[in-house]
Protein backbone atom coordinates (compact mmCIF):
# COMPACT_ATOMS: atom_id res chain seq x y z
CA UNK A 1 9.75 -32.55 -52.52
CA UNK A 2 9.16 -34.66 -49.44
CA UNK A 3 6.96 -37.72 -49.49
CA UNK A 4 4.42 -35.95 -47.29
CA UNK A 5 4.24 -32.99 -49.72
CA UNK A 6 3.81 -35.39 -52.64
CA UNK A 7 1.00 -37.12 -50.78
CA UNK A 8 -0.64 -33.77 -49.99
CA UNK A 9 -0.45 -32.86 -53.68
CA UNK A 10 -2.05 -36.17 -54.65
CA UNK A 11 -4.71 -35.73 -51.95
CA UNK A 12 -5.48 -32.25 -53.30
CA UNK A 13 -5.61 -33.59 -56.84
CA UNK A 14 -8.10 -36.26 -55.79
CA UNK A 15 -10.23 -34.04 -53.56
CA UNK A 16 -10.71 -31.21 -56.05
CA UNK A 17 -10.28 -32.85 -59.45
CA UNK A 18 -11.03 -36.54 -58.91
CA UNK A 19 -7.68 -37.80 -60.26
CA UNK A 20 -5.43 -40.33 -58.51
CA UNK A 21 -2.19 -39.29 -60.23
CA UNK A 22 -0.66 -36.44 -62.16
CA UNK A 23 -0.12 -36.70 -65.90
CA UNK A 24 3.47 -36.80 -67.20
CA UNK A 25 5.07 -33.39 -66.69
CA UNK A 26 2.44 -32.10 -64.26
CA UNK A 27 4.18 -33.68 -61.26
CA UNK A 28 7.49 -31.92 -62.02
CA UNK A 29 5.74 -28.57 -62.34
CA UNK A 30 3.85 -29.05 -59.08
CA UNK A 31 7.04 -30.17 -57.32
CA UNK A 32 8.88 -27.04 -58.49
CA UNK A 33 6.14 -24.70 -57.32
CA UNK A 34 5.78 -26.36 -53.92
CA UNK A 35 9.56 -26.11 -53.51
CA UNK A 36 9.32 -22.36 -54.24
CA UNK A 37 11.00 -22.55 -57.65
CA UNK A 38 9.93 -20.97 -60.92
CA UNK A 39 8.85 -23.30 -63.73
CA UNK A 40 8.17 -23.25 -67.45
CA UNK A 41 5.60 -25.67 -68.80
CA UNK A 42 5.31 -26.26 -72.53
CA UNK A 43 2.51 -28.78 -72.87
CA UNK A 44 0.09 -29.45 -75.70
CA UNK A 45 -3.49 -28.25 -75.50
CA UNK A 46 -5.48 -30.70 -73.41
CA UNK A 47 -2.45 -31.94 -71.44
CA UNK A 48 -3.68 -30.34 -68.21
CA UNK A 49 -1.58 -27.21 -67.87
CA UNK A 50 -4.07 -25.60 -65.49
CA UNK A 51 -3.66 -28.43 -62.94
CA UNK A 52 0.02 -27.44 -62.72
CA UNK A 53 -0.91 -24.21 -60.93
CA UNK A 54 -4.37 -25.01 -59.60
CA UNK A 55 -3.30 -27.94 -57.42
CA UNK A 56 -0.47 -26.01 -55.71
CA UNK A 57 -2.69 -22.92 -55.39
CA UNK A 58 -5.16 -24.99 -53.40
CA UNK A 59 -2.36 -26.14 -51.08
CA UNK A 60 -0.52 -22.86 -50.53
CA UNK A 61 -1.55 -20.19 -48.09
CA UNK A 62 -2.33 -16.94 -49.83
CA UNK A 63 -3.65 -16.20 -53.27
CA UNK A 64 -2.45 -17.32 -56.67
CA UNK A 65 -2.83 -14.75 -59.43
CA UNK A 66 -3.44 -16.37 -62.80
CA UNK A 67 -2.69 -14.18 -65.81
CA UNK A 68 -4.81 -15.06 -68.82
CA UNK A 69 -5.79 -13.11 -71.92
CA UNK A 70 -9.02 -15.08 -72.32
CA UNK A 71 -12.18 -13.95 -70.51
CA UNK A 72 -14.01 -17.18 -71.28
CA UNK A 73 -11.18 -19.25 -69.76
CA UNK A 74 -11.24 -17.15 -66.60
CA UNK A 75 -14.97 -17.62 -66.20
CA UNK A 76 -14.99 -21.33 -67.10
CA UNK A 77 -12.15 -22.21 -64.76
CA UNK A 78 -13.65 -20.15 -61.94
CA UNK A 79 -16.98 -21.96 -62.33
CA UNK A 80 -15.29 -25.37 -62.39
CA UNK A 81 -13.19 -24.59 -59.32
CA UNK A 82 -16.22 -23.25 -57.43
CA UNK A 83 -18.08 -26.47 -58.25
CA UNK A 84 -15.12 -28.45 -56.89
CA UNK A 85 -15.22 -26.56 -53.59
CA UNK A 86 -12.33 -24.15 -54.15
CA UNK A 87 -12.38 -20.38 -53.57
CA UNK A 88 -11.54 -18.74 -56.92
CA UNK A 89 -12.53 -15.50 -58.55
CA UNK A 90 -11.81 -13.44 -61.61
CA UNK A 91 -11.53 -9.74 -62.20
CA UNK A 92 -12.23 -8.51 -65.70
CA UNK A 93 -14.31 -6.13 -67.76
CA UNK A 94 -17.34 -8.44 -67.78
CA UNK A 95 -18.00 -7.42 -64.16
CA UNK A 96 -19.78 -4.22 -63.21
CA UNK A 97 -17.79 -1.65 -61.20
CA UNK A 98 -19.70 -2.72 -58.07
CA UNK A 99 -18.84 -6.38 -58.70
CA UNK A 100 -15.20 -5.47 -59.27
CA UNK A 101 -15.11 -3.59 -55.96
CA UNK A 102 -16.60 -6.62 -54.19
CA UNK A 103 -13.96 -8.92 -55.71
CA UNK A 104 -11.17 -6.55 -54.67
CA UNK A 105 -12.55 -6.26 -51.14
CA UNK A 106 -12.78 -10.04 -50.79
CA UNK A 107 -9.25 -10.43 -52.15
CA UNK A 108 -7.95 -8.01 -49.50
CA UNK A 109 -9.80 -10.07 -46.88
CA UNK A 110 -8.00 -13.23 -48.03
CA UNK A 111 -11.15 -15.00 -49.20
CA UNK A 112 -9.74 -16.32 -52.48
CA UNK A 113 -7.25 -19.03 -53.31
CA UNK A 114 -6.97 -18.05 -56.98
CA UNK A 115 -7.77 -14.91 -58.93
CA UNK A 116 -7.79 -14.78 -62.72
CA UNK A 117 -6.81 -11.46 -64.29
CA UNK A 118 -5.77 -10.17 -67.70
CA UNK A 119 -2.21 -8.88 -68.04
CA UNK A 120 -3.51 -5.33 -68.57
CA UNK A 121 -5.41 -5.49 -65.30
CA UNK A 122 -2.54 -6.97 -63.31
CA UNK A 123 -0.19 -4.19 -64.40
CA UNK A 124 -2.57 -1.42 -63.29
CA UNK A 125 -1.31 0.57 -60.32
CA UNK A 126 -4.43 -0.32 -58.31
CA UNK A 127 -3.74 -4.05 -58.80
CA UNK A 128 -0.06 -3.68 -57.96
CA UNK A 129 -1.17 -1.92 -54.79
CA UNK A 130 -3.44 -4.89 -54.01
CA UNK A 131 -0.55 -7.30 -54.61
CA UNK A 132 1.49 -5.33 -52.09
CA UNK A 133 -1.22 -5.78 -49.44
CA UNK A 134 -2.14 -9.46 -49.83
CA UNK A 135 -0.26 -12.72 -49.35
CA UNK A 136 0.61 -13.70 -52.93
CA UNK A 137 1.65 -17.35 -53.06
CA UNK A 138 2.14 -17.80 -56.81
CA UNK A 139 1.95 -16.07 -60.18
CA UNK A 140 0.73 -18.33 -62.98
CA UNK A 141 1.17 -16.89 -66.46
CA UNK A 142 -0.90 -18.65 -69.08
CA UNK A 143 -0.26 -18.18 -72.80
CA UNK A 144 3.30 -17.21 -71.83
CA UNK A 145 4.42 -17.26 -75.47
CA UNK A 146 2.83 -13.79 -75.68
CA UNK A 147 6.03 -12.33 -74.17
CA UNK A 148 7.85 -13.18 -77.38
CA UNK A 149 8.48 -10.57 -80.04
CA UNK A 150 5.50 -11.67 -82.15
CA UNK A 151 3.24 -11.87 -79.11
CA UNK A 152 3.62 -8.15 -78.40
CA UNK A 153 1.25 -7.43 -81.25
CA UNK A 154 -1.44 -9.49 -79.52
CA UNK A 155 -1.07 -8.39 -75.89
CA UNK A 156 1.83 -5.96 -75.36
CA UNK A 157 1.21 -6.00 -71.59
CA UNK A 158 2.73 -9.46 -71.42
CA UNK A 159 6.09 -7.75 -71.79
CA UNK A 160 5.36 -5.69 -68.67
CA UNK A 161 4.94 -8.86 -66.58
CA UNK A 162 8.72 -8.84 -66.18
CA UNK A 163 7.99 -6.45 -63.32
CA UNK A 164 6.68 -9.39 -61.25
CA UNK A 165 10.14 -10.91 -61.11
CA UNK A 166 11.77 -7.73 -59.80
CA UNK A 167 8.95 -6.44 -57.58
CA UNK A 168 8.02 -9.82 -56.02
CA UNK A 169 11.21 -11.92 -56.22
CA UNK A 170 10.12 -14.17 -53.34
CA UNK A 171 6.92 -15.26 -55.14
CA UNK A 172 7.37 -18.25 -57.47
CA UNK A 173 6.19 -17.93 -61.05
CA UNK A 174 4.98 -20.58 -63.44
CA UNK A 175 4.76 -19.79 -67.14
CA UNK A 176 2.64 -22.04 -69.35
CA UNK A 177 2.11 -22.34 -73.06
CA UNK A 178 1.11 -24.95 -75.60
CA UNK A 179 3.70 -23.95 -78.17
CA UNK A 180 7.13 -22.40 -77.91
CA UNK A 181 10.26 -22.98 -79.97
CA UNK A 182 13.67 -22.74 -78.30
CA UNK A 183 13.98 -18.99 -78.95
CA UNK A 184 10.54 -18.32 -77.45
CA UNK A 185 11.31 -20.55 -74.44
CA UNK A 186 14.50 -18.60 -73.80
CA UNK A 187 12.54 -15.34 -74.08
CA UNK A 188 9.91 -16.59 -71.61
CA UNK A 189 12.56 -17.66 -69.11
CA UNK A 190 14.49 -14.42 -69.55
CA UNK A 191 11.49 -12.16 -69.05
CA UNK A 192 9.22 -14.03 -66.66
CA UNK A 193 11.20 -16.55 -64.63
């Protein structure tokens, strides 16, 4: 990454999150995304995995789709990003049908920088149709260990996310998890990146 891109990333980090530097590992993830490469981040809980996709999402044109199985995380991160001056949203079952339609309309209009969705939602034909019509800048897949064999029992739709690689090969993907042994890492890379 060029010095100017690194400075832009640091400026974004400071403006939205109040930090003057990235934590160890975050900088490499951000560099990869800004260079258009896929990345796997295995970082302990509390190490700042979300910054790895949020900072680039706020720099890139288009919308970053964040796949998360946790409704509370979607809502908490959306609130925090709104408070920081970003333009995020989430689309999940906690919204009424009218609210969901509003979110989809605004997404088509390019009003969001990030949108949090569950894997089941992202794999719906209506969402794939939306992805075809908007400028997708990044796919961030949280809890990526769920693509492993044991994870299929929890959220089988994680296995379907492999479609993102074939349907949108030009869009970089970042997969994040707090725990993954070598076999699970290989599975994540093989299916998602």
